[in-house]
PDB file of N, CA and C in Angstrom:
ATOM      1  N   UNK A   1      99.927  97.103  88.046  1.00  0.00           N
ATOM      2  CA  UNK A   1      99.200  97.981  88.927  1.00  0.00           C
ATOM      3  C   UNK A   1     100.073  99.198  89.192  1.00  0.00           C
ATOM      4  N   UNK A   2      99.462 100.350  89.089  1.00  0.00           N
ATOM      5  CA  UNK A   2     100.228 101.579  89.262  1.00  0.00           C
ATOM      6  C   UNK A   2     100.443 101.867  90.748  1.00  0.00           C
ATOM      7  N   UNK A   3     101.322 102.803  90.994  1.00  0.00           N
ATOM      8  CA  UNK A   3     101.649 103.183  92.366  1.00  0.00           C
ATOM      9  C   UNK A   3     100.436 103.779  93.072  1.00  0.00           C
ATOM     10  N   UNK A   4      99.648 104.565  92.339  1.00  0.00           N
ATOM     11  CA  UNK A   4      98.450 105.177  92.939  1.00  0.00           C
ATOM     12  C   UNK A   4      97.420 104.117  93.324  1.00  0.00           C
ATOM     13  N   UNK A   5      97.261 103.090  92.479  1.00  0.00           N
ATOM     14  CA  UNK A   5      96.315 102.015  92.795  1.00  0.00           C
ATOM     15  C   UNK A   5      96.790 101.216  94.004  1.00  0.00           C
ATOM     16  N   UNK A   6      98.090 100.953  94.085  1.00  0.00           N
ATOM     17  CA  UNK A   6      98.625 100.238  95.235  1.00  0.00           C
ATOM     18  C   UNK A   6      98.438 101.036  96.523  1.00  0.00           C
ATOM     19  N   UNK A   7      98.653 102.330  96.444  1.00  0.00           N
ATOM     20  CA  UNK A   7      98.468 103.185  97.611  1.00  0.00           C
ATOM     21  C   UNK A   7      97.000 103.194  98.036  1.00  0.00           C
ATOM     22  N   UNK A   8      96.094 103.246  97.061  1.00  0.00           N
ATOM     23  CA  UNK A   8      94.661 103.233  97.370  1.00  0.00           C
ATOM     24  C   UNK A   8      94.251 101.926  98.044  1.00  0.00           C
ATOM     25  N   UNK A   9      94.812 100.800  97.593  1.00  0.00           N
ATOM     26  CA  UNK A   9      94.503  99.510  98.221  1.00  0.00           C
ATOM     27  C   UNK A   9      95.058  99.409  99.630  1.00  0.00           C
ATOM     28  N   UNK A  10      96.167 100.059  99.892  1.00  0.00           N
ATOM     29  CA  UNK A  10      96.706 100.065 101.246  1.00  0.00           C
ATOM     30  C   UNK A  10      95.857 100.916 102.182  1.00  0.00           C
ATOM     31  N   UNK A  11      95.316 102.009 101.651  1.00  0.00           N
ATOM     32  CA  UNK A  11      94.491 102.894 102.474  1.00  0.00           C
ATOM     33  C   UNK A  11      93.122 102.267 102.729  1.00  0.00           C
ATOM     34  N   UNK A  12      92.478 101.795 101.664  1.00  0.00           N
ATOM     35  CA  UNK A  12      91.158 101.164 101.785  1.00  0.00           C
ATOM     36  C   UNK A  12      91.226  99.785 101.142  1.00  0.00           C
ATOM     37  N   UNK A  13      91.596  98.773 101.925  1.00  0.00           N
ATOM     38  CA  UNK A  13      91.731  97.436 101.359  1.00  0.00           C
ATOM     39  C   UNK A  13      90.371  96.846 100.956  1.00  0.00           C
ATOM     40  N   UNK A  14      90.404  96.009  99.933  1.00  0.00           N
ATOM     41  CA  UNK A  14      89.208  95.321  99.480  1.00  0.00           C
ATOM     42  C   UNK A  14      89.162  93.961 100.166  1.00  0.00           C
ATOM     43  N   UNK A  15      88.089  93.715 100.894  1.00  0.00           N
ATOM     44  CA  UNK A  15      87.920  92.446 101.604  1.00  0.00           C
ATOM     45  C   UNK A  15      87.113  91.518 100.703  1.00  0.00           C
ATOM     46  N   UNK A  16      87.690  90.374 100.298  1.00  0.00           N
ATOM     47  CA  UNK A  16      87.000  89.488  99.353  1.00  0.00           C
ATOM     48  C   UNK A  16      85.633  89.005  99.838  1.00  0.00           C
ATOM     49  N   UNK A  17      85.500  88.763 101.135  1.00  0.00           N
ATOM     50  CA  UNK A  17      84.213  88.302 101.663  1.00  0.00           C
ATOM     51  C   UNK A  17      83.130  89.353 101.473  1.00  0.00           C
ATOM     52  N   UNK A  18      83.493  90.616 101.638  1.00  0.00           N
ATOM     53  CA  UNK A  18      82.531  91.700 101.454  1.00  0.00           C
ATOM     54  C   UNK A  18      82.138  91.843  99.989  1.00  0.00           C
ATOM     55  N   UNK A  19      83.092  91.666  99.103  1.00  0.00           N
ATOM     56  CA  UNK A  19      82.797  91.758  97.671  1.00  0.00           C
ATOM     57  C   UNK A  19      81.849  90.632  97.256  1.00  0.00           C
ATOM     58  N   UNK A  20      82.073  89.422  97.774  1.00  0.00           N
ATOM     59  CA  UNK A  20      81.183  88.299  97.474  1.00  0.00           C
ATOM     60  C   UNK A  20      79.792  88.570  98.031  1.00  0.00           C
ATOM     61  N   UNK A  21      79.711  89.109  99.227  1.00  0.00           N
ATOM     62  CA  UNK A  21      78.419  89.439  99.820  1.00  0.00           C
ATOM     63  C   UNK A  21      77.694  90.490  98.974  1.00  0.00           C
ATOM     64  N   UNK A  22      78.397  91.519  98.554  1.00  0.00           N
ATOM     65  CA  UNK A  22      77.791  92.564  97.732  1.00  0.00           C
ATOM     66  C   UNK A  22      77.311  92.017  96.394  1.00  0.00           C
ATOM     67  N   UNK A  23      78.061  91.085  95.824  1.00  0.00           N
ATOM     68  CA  UNK A  23      77.652  90.471  94.566  1.00  0.00           C
ATOM     69  C   UNK A  23      76.395  89.634  94.759  1.00  0.00           C
ATOM     70  N   UNK A  24      76.284  88.948  95.887  1.00  0.00           N
ATOM     71  CA  UNK A  24      75.064  88.176  96.170  1.00  0.00           C
ATOM     72  C   UNK A  24      73.866  89.098  96.364  1.00  0.00           C
ATOM     73  N   UNK A  25      74.075  90.231  96.996  1.00  0.00           N
ATOM     74  CA  UNK A  25      72.997  91.211  97.153  1.00  0.00           C
ATOM     75  C   UNK A  25      72.558  91.717  95.787  1.00  0.00           C
ATOM     76  N   UNK A  26      73.518  91.956  94.909  1.00  0.00           N
ATOM     77  CA  UNK A  26      73.200  92.393  93.549  1.00  0.00           C
ATOM     78  C   UNK A  26      72.396  91.326  92.815  1.00  0.00           C
ATOM     79  N   UNK A  27      72.757  90.061  92.984  1.00  0.00           N
ATOM     80  CA  UNK A  27      72.002  88.965  92.373  1.00  0.00           C
ATOM     81  C   UNK A  27      70.585  88.903  92.925  1.00  0.00           C
ATOM     82  N   UNK A  28      70.426  89.117  94.230  1.00  0.00           N
ATOM     83  CA  UNK A  28      69.092  89.113  94.823  1.00  0.00           C
ATOM     84  C   UNK A  28      68.225  90.238  94.280  1.00  0.00           C
ATOM     85  N   UNK A  29      68.809  91.408  94.132  1.00  0.00           N
ATOM     86  CA  UNK A  29      68.062  92.535  93.573  1.00  0.00           C
ATOM     87  C   UNK A  29      67.632  92.222  92.151  1.00  0.00           C
ATOM     88  N   UNK A  30      68.533  91.670  91.366  1.00  0.00           N
ATOM     89  CA  UNK A  30      68.196  91.324  89.973  1.00  0.00           C
ATOM     90  C   UNK A  30      67.132  90.233  89.915  1.00  0.00           C
ATOM     91  N   UNK A  31      67.238  89.238  90.790  1.00  0.00           N
ATOM     92  CA  UNK A  31      66.268  88.142  90.742  1.00  0.00           C
ATOM     93  C   UNK A  31      64.896  88.580  91.238  1.00  0.00           C
ATOM     94  N   UNK A  32      64.803  89.674  91.968  1.00  0.00           N
ATOM     95  CA  UNK A  32      63.509  90.212  92.373  1.00  0.00           C
ATOM     96  C   UNK A  32      62.931  91.176  91.348  1.00  0.00           C
ATOM     97  N   UNK A  33      63.773  91.930  90.681  1.00  0.00           N
ATOM     98  CA  UNK A  33      63.253  92.911  89.726  1.00  0.00           C
ATOM     99  C   UNK A  33      62.916  92.296  88.373  1.00  0.00           C
ATOM    100  N   UNK A  34      63.576  91.220  87.985  1.00  0.00           N
ATOM    101  CA  UNK A  34      63.288  90.606  86.688  1.00  0.00           C
ATOM    102  C   UNK A  34      61.847  90.105  86.598  1.00  0.00           C
ATOM    103  N   UNK A  35      61.327  89.353  87.580  1.00  0.00           N
ATOM    104  CA  UNK A  35      59.917  88.962  87.484  1.00  0.00           C
ATOM    105  C   UNK A  35      58.962  90.146  87.567  1.00  0.00           C
ATOM    106  N   UNK A  36      59.331  91.157  88.334  1.00  0.00           N
ATOM    107  CA  UNK A  36      58.498  92.354  88.417  1.00  0.00           C
ATOM    108  C   UNK A  36      58.410  93.046  87.065  1.00  0.00           C
ATOM    109  N   UNK A  37      59.535  93.133  86.373  1.00  0.00           N
ATOM    110  CA  UNK A  37      59.520  93.692  85.026  1.00  0.00           C
ATOM    111  C   UNK A  37      58.719  92.811  84.077  1.00  0.00           C
ATOM    112  N   UNK A  38      58.771  91.493  84.278  1.00  0.00           N
ATOM    113  CA  UNK A  38      57.995  90.580  83.457  1.00  0.00           C
ATOM    114  C   UNK A  38      56.500  90.767  83.661  1.00  0.00           C
ATOM    115  N   UNK A  39      56.087  90.959  84.905  1.00  0.00           N
ATOM    116  CA  UNK A  39      54.676  91.215  85.197  1.00  0.00           C
ATOM    117  C   UNK A  39      54.232  92.511  84.519  1.00  0.00           C
ATOM    118  N   UNK A  40      55.056  93.539  84.628  1.00  0.00           N
ATOM    119  CA  UNK A  40      54.721  94.827  84.007  1.00  0.00           C
ATOM    120  C   UNK A  40      54.635  94.705  82.490  1.00  0.00           C
ATOM    121  N   UNK A  41      55.581  93.993  81.877  1.00  0.00           N
ATOM    122  CA  UNK A  41      55.563  93.825  80.423  1.00  0.00           C
ATOM    123  C   UNK A  41      54.351  93.025  79.976  1.00  0.00           C
ATOM    124  N   UNK A  42      53.961  92.021  80.754  1.00  0.00           N
ATOM    125  CA  UNK A  42      52.789  91.226  80.414  1.00  0.00           C
ATOM    126  C   UNK A  42      51.503  92.019  80.530  1.00  0.00           C
ATOM    127  N   UNK A  43      51.376  92.795  81.596  1.00  0.00           N
ATOM    128  CA  UNK A  43      50.177  93.608  81.786  1.00  0.00           C
ATOM    129  C   UNK A  43      50.077  94.684  80.711  1.00  0.00           C
ATOM    130  N   UNK A  44      51.224  95.260  80.330  1.00  0.00           N
ATOM    131  CA  UNK A  44      51.219  96.276  79.272  1.00  0.00           C
ATOM    132  C   UNK A  44      50.968  95.680  77.895  1.00  0.00           C
ATOM    133  N   UNK A  45      51.059  94.362  77.775  1.00  0.00           N
ATOM    134  CA  UNK A  45      50.799  93.708  76.496  1.00  0.00           C
ATOM    135  C   UNK A  45      51.931  93.851  75.493  1.00  0.00           C
ATOM    136  N   UNK A  46      53.138  93.969  75.983  1.00  0.00           N
ATOM    137  CA  UNK A  46      54.289  94.115  75.091  1.00  0.00           C
ATOM    138  C   UNK A  46      54.585  92.789  74.401  1.00  0.00           C
ATOM    139  N   UNK A  47      54.998  92.878  73.163  1.00  0.00           N
ATOM    140  CA  UNK A  47      55.302  91.679  72.386  1.00  0.00           C
ATOM    141  C   UNK A  47      56.689  91.788  71.777  1.00  0.00           C
ATOM    142  N   UNK A  48      57.298  90.661  71.549  1.00  0.00           N
ATOM    143  CA  UNK A  48      58.537  90.515  70.800  1.00  0.00           C
ATOM    144  C   UNK A  48      59.651  91.424  71.314  1.00  0.00           C
ATOM    145  N   UNK A  49      60.259  92.176  70.430  1.00  0.00           N
ATOM    146  CA  UNK A  49      61.429  92.977  70.789  1.00  0.00           C
ATOM    147  C   UNK A  49      61.104  94.116  71.737  1.00  0.00           C
ATOM    148  N   UNK A  50      59.870  94.618  71.701  1.00  0.00           N
ATOM    149  CA  UNK A  50      59.523  95.688  72.640  1.00  0.00           C
ATOM    150  C   UNK A  50      59.543  95.183  74.082  1.00  0.00           C
ATOM    151  N   UNK A  51      59.178  93.920  74.291  1.00  0.00           N
ATOM    152  CA  UNK A  51      59.242  93.343  75.631  1.00  0.00           C
ATOM    153  C   UNK A  51      60.667  93.225  76.122  1.00  0.00           C
ATOM    154  N   UNK A  52      61.559  92.778  75.241  1.00  0.00           N
ATOM    155  CA  UNK A  52      62.963  92.670  75.638  1.00  0.00           C
ATOM    156  C   UNK A  52      63.606  94.046  75.798  1.00  0.00           C
ATOM    157  N   UNK A  53      63.179  95.005  74.987  1.00  0.00           N
ATOM    158  CA  UNK A  53      63.670  96.377  75.159  1.00  0.00           C
ATOM    159  C   UNK A  53      63.203  96.941  76.502  1.00  0.00           C
ATOM    160  N   UNK A  54      61.977  96.597  76.883  1.00  0.00           N
ATOM    161  CA  UNK A  54      61.458  97.004  78.191  1.00  0.00           C
ATOM    162  C   UNK A  54      62.305  96.404  79.309  1.00  0.00           C
ATOM    163  N   UNK A  55      62.689  95.136  79.162  1.00  0.00           N
ATOM    164  CA  UNK A  55      63.534  94.475  80.162  1.00  0.00           C
ATOM    165  C   UNK A  55      64.901  95.160  80.249  1.00  0.00           C
ATOM    166  N   UNK A  56      65.486  95.464  79.108  1.00  0.00           N
ATOM    167  CA  UNK A  56      66.792  96.132  79.115  1.00  0.00           C
ATOM    168  C   UNK A  56      66.699  97.525  79.727  1.00  0.00           C
ATOM    169  N   UNK A  57      65.641  98.256  79.384  1.00  0.00           N
ATOM    170  CA  UNK A  57      65.465  99.597  79.955  1.00  0.00           C
ATOM    171  C   UNK A  57      65.246  99.514  81.464  1.00  0.00           C
ATOM    172  N   UNK A  58      64.440  98.551  81.899  1.00  0.00           N
ATOM    173  CA  UNK A  58      64.218  98.375  83.335  1.00  0.00           C
ATOM    174  C   UNK A  58      65.485  97.961  84.063  1.00  0.00           C
ATOM    175  N   UNK A  59      66.262  97.079  83.447  1.00  0.00           N
ATOM    176  CA  UNK A  59      67.535  96.662  84.051  1.00  0.00           C
ATOM    177  C   UNK A  59      68.513  97.829  84.123  1.00  0.00           C
ATOM    178  N   UNK A  60      68.500  98.676  83.103  1.00  0.00           N
ATOM    179  CA  UNK A  60      69.356  99.866  83.119  1.00  0.00           C
ATOM    180  C   UNK A  60      68.938 100.800  84.252  1.00  0.00           C
ATOM    181  N   UNK A  61      67.637 100.992  84.419  1.00  0.00           N
ATOM    182  CA  UNK A  61      67.148 101.851  85.496  1.00  0.00           C
ATOM    183  C   UNK A  61      67.525 101.280  86.861  1.00  0.00           C
ATOM    184  N   UNK A  62      67.388  99.980  87.025  1.00  0.00           N
ATOM    185  CA  UNK A  62      67.774  99.334  88.284  1.00  0.00           C
ATOM    186  C   UNK A  62      69.275  99.502  88.521  1.00  0.00           C
ATOM    187  N   UNK A  63      70.075  99.384  87.461  1.00  0.00           N
ATOM    188  CA  UNK A  63      71.527  99.565  87.597  1.00  0.00           C
ATOM    189  C   UNK A  63      71.870 100.982  88.035  1.00  0.00           C
ATOM    190  N   UNK A  64      71.175 101.958  87.480  1.00  0.00           N
ATOM    191  CA  UNK A  64      71.412 103.349  87.878  1.00  0.00           C
ATOM    192  C   UNK A  64      71.044 103.549  89.349  1.00  0.00           C
ATOM    193  N   UNK A  65      69.917 102.973  89.761  1.00  0.00           N
ATOM    194  CA  UNK A  65      69.512 103.101  91.161  1.00  0.00           C
ATOM    195  C   UNK A  65      70.499 102.404  92.093  1.00  0.00           C
ATOM    196  N   UNK A  66      70.993 101.250  91.695  1.00  0.00           N
ATOM    197  CA  UNK A  66      72.004 100.557  92.508  1.00  0.00           C
ATOM    198  C   UNK A  66      73.267 101.399  92.600  1.00  0.00           C
ATOM    199  N   UNK A  67      73.670 101.968  91.469  1.00  0.00           N
ATOM    200  CA  UNK A  67      74.878 102.797  91.447  1.00  0.00           C
ATOM    201  C   UNK A  67      74.738 103.993  92.377  1.00  0.00           C
ATOM    202  N   UNK A  68      73.591 104.652  92.326  1.00  0.00           N
ATOM    203  CA  UNK A  68      73.419 105.860  93.116  1.00  0.00           C
ATOM    204  C   UNK A  68      73.069 105.577  94.579  1.00  0.00           C
ATOM    205  N   UNK A  69      72.145 104.652  94.818  1.00  0.00           N
ATOM    206  CA  UNK A  69      71.661 104.446  96.183  1.00  0.00           C
ATOM    207  C   UNK A  69      72.480 103.436  96.980  1.00  0.00           C
ATOM    208  N   UNK A  70      72.870 102.350  96.344  1.00  0.00           N
ATOM    209  CA  UNK A  70      73.577 101.301  97.080  1.00  0.00           C
ATOM    210  C   UNK A  70      75.080 101.545  97.105  1.00  0.00           C
ATOM    211  N   UNK A  71      75.651 101.837  95.936  1.00  0.00           N
ATOM    212  CA  UNK A  71      77.107 101.992  95.861  1.00  0.00           C
ATOM    213  C   UNK A  71      77.564 103.422  96.108  1.00  0.00           C
ATOM    214  N   UNK A  72      76.644 104.342  96.245  1.00  0.00           N
ATOM    215  CA  UNK A  72      77.027 105.720  96.538  1.00  0.00           C
ATOM    216  C   UNK A  72      77.826 106.383  95.440  1.00  0.00           C
ATOM    217  N   UNK A  73      77.674 105.937  94.207  1.00  0.00           N
ATOM    218  CA  UNK A  73      78.365 106.541  93.081  1.00  0.00           C
ATOM    219  C   UNK A  73      79.759 106.000  92.811  1.00  0.00           C
ATOM    220  N   UNK A  74      80.258 105.116  93.648  1.00  0.00           N
ATOM    221  CA  UNK A  74      81.587 104.549  93.423  1.00  0.00           C
ATOM    222  C   UNK A  74      81.542 103.030  93.556  1.00  0.00           C
ATOM    223  N   UNK A  75      81.222 102.330  92.460  1.00  0.00           N
ATOM    224  CA  UNK A  75      81.069 100.872  92.540  1.00  0.00           C
ATOM    225  C   UNK A  75      82.375 100.123  92.763  1.00  0.00           C
ATOM    226  N   UNK A  76      83.501 100.755  92.463  1.00  0.00           N
ATOM    227  CA  UNK A  76      84.784 100.060  92.603  1.00  0.00           C
ATOM    228  C   UNK A  76      85.084  99.717  94.065  1.00  0.00           C
ATOM    229  N   UNK A  77      84.483 100.446  94.993  1.00  0.00           N
ATOM    230  CA  UNK A  77      84.687 100.154  96.412  1.00  0.00           C
ATOM    231  C   UNK A  77      83.986  98.876  96.845  1.00  0.00           C
ATOM    232  N   UNK A  78      82.900  98.521  96.147  1.00  0.00           N
ATOM    233  CA  UNK A  78      82.037  97.456  96.625  1.00  0.00           C
ATOM    234  C   UNK A  78      81.995  96.216  95.736  1.00  0.00           C
ATOM    235  N   UNK A  79      82.466  96.329  94.494  1.00  0.00           N
ATOM    236  CA  UNK A  79      82.387  95.219  93.551  1.00  0.00           C
ATOM    237  C   UNK A  79      83.751  94.987  92.913  1.00  0.00           C
ATOM    238  N   UNK A  80      83.901  93.822  92.262  1.00  0.00           N
ATOM    239  CA  UNK A  80      85.187  93.471  91.640  1.00  0.00           C
ATOM    240  C   UNK A  80      85.576  94.467  90.554  1.00  0.00           C
ATOM    241  N   UNK A  81      84.602  94.818  89.716  1.00  0.00           N
ATOM    242  CA  UNK A  81      84.878  95.797  88.666  1.00  0.00           C
ATOM    243  C   UNK A  81      83.694  96.738  88.555  1.00  0.00           C
ATOM    244  N   UNK A  82      83.896  97.822  87.867  1.00  0.00           N
ATOM    245  CA  UNK A  82      82.834  98.812  87.734  1.00  0.00           C
ATOM    246  C   UNK A  82      81.701  98.323  86.844  1.00  0.00           C
ATOM    247  N   UNK A  83      81.976  97.345  85.999  1.00  0.00           N
ATOM    248  CA  UNK A  83      80.935  96.863  85.091  1.00  0.00           C
ATOM    249  C   UNK A  83      80.012  95.842  85.743  1.00  0.00           C
ATOM    250  N   UNK A  84      80.328  95.384  86.943  1.00  0.00           N
ATOM    251  CA  UNK A  84      79.473  94.399  87.612  1.00  0.00           C
ATOM    252  C   UNK A  84      78.060  94.927  87.822  1.00  0.00           C
ATOM    253  N   UNK A  85      77.922  96.186  88.167  1.00  0.00           N
ATOM    254  CA  UNK A  85      76.591  96.753  88.391  1.00  0.00           C
ATOM    255  C   UNK A  85      75.776  96.728  87.104  1.00  0.00           C
ATOM    256  N   UNK A  86      76.415  96.956  85.980  1.00  0.00           N
ATOM    257  CA  UNK A  86      75.687  97.071  84.707  1.00  0.00           C
ATOM    258  C   UNK A  86      75.422  95.715  84.065  1.00  0.00           C
ATOM    259  N   UNK A  87      76.302  94.743  84.262  1.00  0.00           N
ATOM    260  CA  UNK A  87      76.182  93.505  83.498  1.00  0.00           C
ATOM    261  C   UNK A  87      75.897  92.267  84.320  1.00  0.00           C
ATOM    262  N   UNK A  88      76.205  92.270  85.591  1.00  0.00           N
ATOM    263  CA  UNK A  88      76.094  91.047  86.388  1.00  0.00           C
ATOM    264  C   UNK A  88      74.641  90.609  86.510  1.00  0.00           C
ATOM    265  N   UNK A  89      74.365  89.410  86.042  1.00  0.00           N
ATOM    266  CA  UNK A  89      73.066  88.752  86.164  1.00  0.00           C
ATOM    267  C   UNK A  89      71.940  89.448  85.402  1.00  0.00           C
ATOM    268  N   UNK A  90      72.265  90.300  84.440  1.00  0.00           N
ATOM    269  CA  UNK A  90      71.217  90.862  83.585  1.00  0.00           C
ATOM    270  C   UNK A  90      70.726  89.799  82.620  1.00  0.00           C
ATOM    271  N   UNK A  91      71.653  89.069  82.016  1.00  0.00           N
ATOM    272  CA  UNK A  91      71.292  87.993  81.101  1.00  0.00           C
ATOM    273  C   UNK A  91      71.575  86.629  81.719  1.00  0.00           C
ATOM    274  N   UNK A  92      71.619  86.572  83.035  1.00  0.00           N
ATOM    275  CA  UNK A  92      71.817  85.298  83.719  1.00  0.00           C
ATOM    276  C   UNK A  92      70.606  84.402  83.554  1.00  0.00           C
ATOM    277  N   UNK A  93      70.800  83.141  83.828  1.00  0.00           N
ATOM    278  CA  UNK A  93      69.729  82.172  83.587  1.00  0.00           C
ATOM    279  C   UNK A  93      68.514  82.432  84.464  1.00  0.00           C
ATOM    280  N   UNK A  94      68.710  82.790  85.714  1.00  0.00           N
ATOM    281  CA  UNK A  94      67.548  82.984  86.588  1.00  0.00           C
ATOM    282  C   UNK A  94      66.808  84.273  86.272  1.00  0.00           C
ATOM    283  N   UNK A  95      67.515  85.353  86.029  1.00  0.00           N
ATOM    284  CA  UNK A  95      66.858  86.635  85.793  1.00  0.00           C
ATOM    285  C   UNK A  95      66.090  86.645  84.481  1.00  0.00           C
ATOM    286  N   UNK A  96      66.744  86.271  83.412  1.00  0.00           N
ATOM    287  CA  UNK A  96      66.092  86.333  82.108  1.00  0.00           C
ATOM    288  C   UNK A  96      64.958  85.329  82.009  1.00  0.00           C
ATOM    289  N   UNK A  97      65.147  84.130  82.538  1.00  0.00           N
ATOM    290  CA  UNK A  97      64.068  83.141  82.471  1.00  0.00           C
ATOM    291  C   UNK A  97      62.896  83.539  83.363  1.00  0.00           C
ATOM    292  N   UNK A  98      63.158  84.156  84.506  1.00  0.00           N
ATOM    293  CA  UNK A  98      62.079  84.645  85.358  1.00  0.00           C
ATOM    294  C   UNK A  98      61.295  85.752  84.670  1.00  0.00           C
ATOM    295  N   UNK A  99      62.012  86.621  83.982  1.00  0.00           N
ATOM    296  CA  UNK A  99      61.339  87.685  83.237  1.00  0.00           C
ATOM    297  C   UNK A  99      60.427  87.105  82.175  1.00  0.00           C
ATOM    298  N   UNK A 100      60.947  86.189  81.369  1.00  0.00           N
ATOM    299  CA  UNK A 100      60.155  85.605  80.278  1.00  0.00           C
ATOM    300  C   UNK A 100      58.974  84.821  80.829  1.00  0.00           C
ATOM    301  N   UNK A 101      59.170  84.084  81.900  1.00  0.00           N
ATOM    302  CA  UNK A 101      58.092  83.312  82.495  1.00  0.00           C
ATOM    303  C   UNK A 101      56.951  84.219  82.961  1.00  0.00           C
ATOM    304  N   UNK A 102      57.271  85.243  83.709  1.00  0.00           N
ATOM    305  CA  UNK A 102      56.232  86.141  84.207  1.00  0.00           C
ATOM    306  C   UNK A 102      55.625  86.973  83.081  1.00  0.00           C
ATOM    307  N   UNK A 103      56.420  87.333  82.116  1.00  0.00           N
ATOM    308  CA  UNK A 103      55.935  88.104  80.974  1.00  0.00           C
ATOM    309  C   UNK A 103      54.871  87.306  80.221  1.00  0.00           C
ATOM    310  N   UNK A 104      55.183  86.068  79.884  1.00  0.00           N
ATOM    311  CA  UNK A 104      54.223  85.263  79.123  1.00  0.00           C
ATOM    312  C   UNK A 104      53.001  84.907  79.974  1.00  0.00           C
ATOM    313  N   UNK A 105      53.197  84.642  81.255  1.00  0.00           N
ATOM    314  CA  UNK A 105      52.072  84.314  82.120  1.00  0.00           C
ATOM    315  C   UNK A 105      51.093  85.472  82.203  1.00  0.00           C
ATOM    316  N   UNK A 106      51.576  86.647  82.512  1.00  0.00           N
ATOM    317  CA  UNK A 106      50.682  87.786  82.675  1.00  0.00           C
ATOM    318  C   UNK A 106      50.157  88.300  81.337  1.00  0.00           C
ATOM    319  N   UNK A 107      50.913  88.137  80.286  1.00  0.00           N
ATOM    320  CA  UNK A 107      50.409  88.496  78.959  1.00  0.00           C
ATOM    321  C   UNK A 107      49.192  87.637  78.624  1.00  0.00           C
ATOM    322  N   UNK A 108      49.300  86.337  78.870  1.00  0.00           N
ATOM    323  CA  UNK A 108      48.194  85.429  78.575  1.00  0.00           C
ATOM    324  C   UNK A 108      47.023  85.622  79.534  1.00  0.00           C
ATOM    325  N   UNK A 109      47.287  85.941  80.786  1.00  0.00           N
ATOM    326  CA  UNK A 109      46.195  86.189  81.722  1.00  0.00           C
ATOM    327  C   UNK A 109      45.403  87.443  81.359  1.00  0.00           C
ATOM    328  N   UNK A 110      46.097  88.478  80.933  1.00  0.00           N
ATOM    329  CA  UNK A 110      45.436  89.734  80.596  1.00  0.00           C
ATOM    330  C   UNK A 110      44.712  89.617  79.254  1.00  0.00           C
ATOM    331  N   UNK A 111      45.312  88.946  78.296  1.00  0.00           N
ATOM    332  CA  UNK A 111      44.748  88.861  76.949  1.00  0.00           C
ATOM    333  C   UNK A 111      43.706  87.750  76.798  1.00  0.00           C
ATOM    334  N   UNK A 112      43.595  86.849  77.749  1.00  0.00           N
ATOM    335  CA  UNK A 112      42.653  85.725  77.615  1.00  0.00           C
ATOM    336  C   UNK A 112      41.226  86.123  77.935  1.00  0.00           C
TER     337      UNK A 112
END
């Protein structure tokens, strides 16, 4: 760790409990947006790779909104690493399975 990083930690210390809380909030946001994206993909009638591309694009948009609105443009203050906003729980078991479940349900409801 460099001297500048040590000085920054002394000025604005990272509280582990707050980081865990912020990570749980990020998981909640992801677990709510994944089924919503699945509903949208099903209603739009997306199939195969276009549906997964839609999920990735939607997750990217949600990550940008989290970065700008929640983290204020500096995720290092609120999360363990800067990549947590972009990668945490995007391909997690609950988010991806919720997306696929809602996608197939609404696809079949609309197309039936």
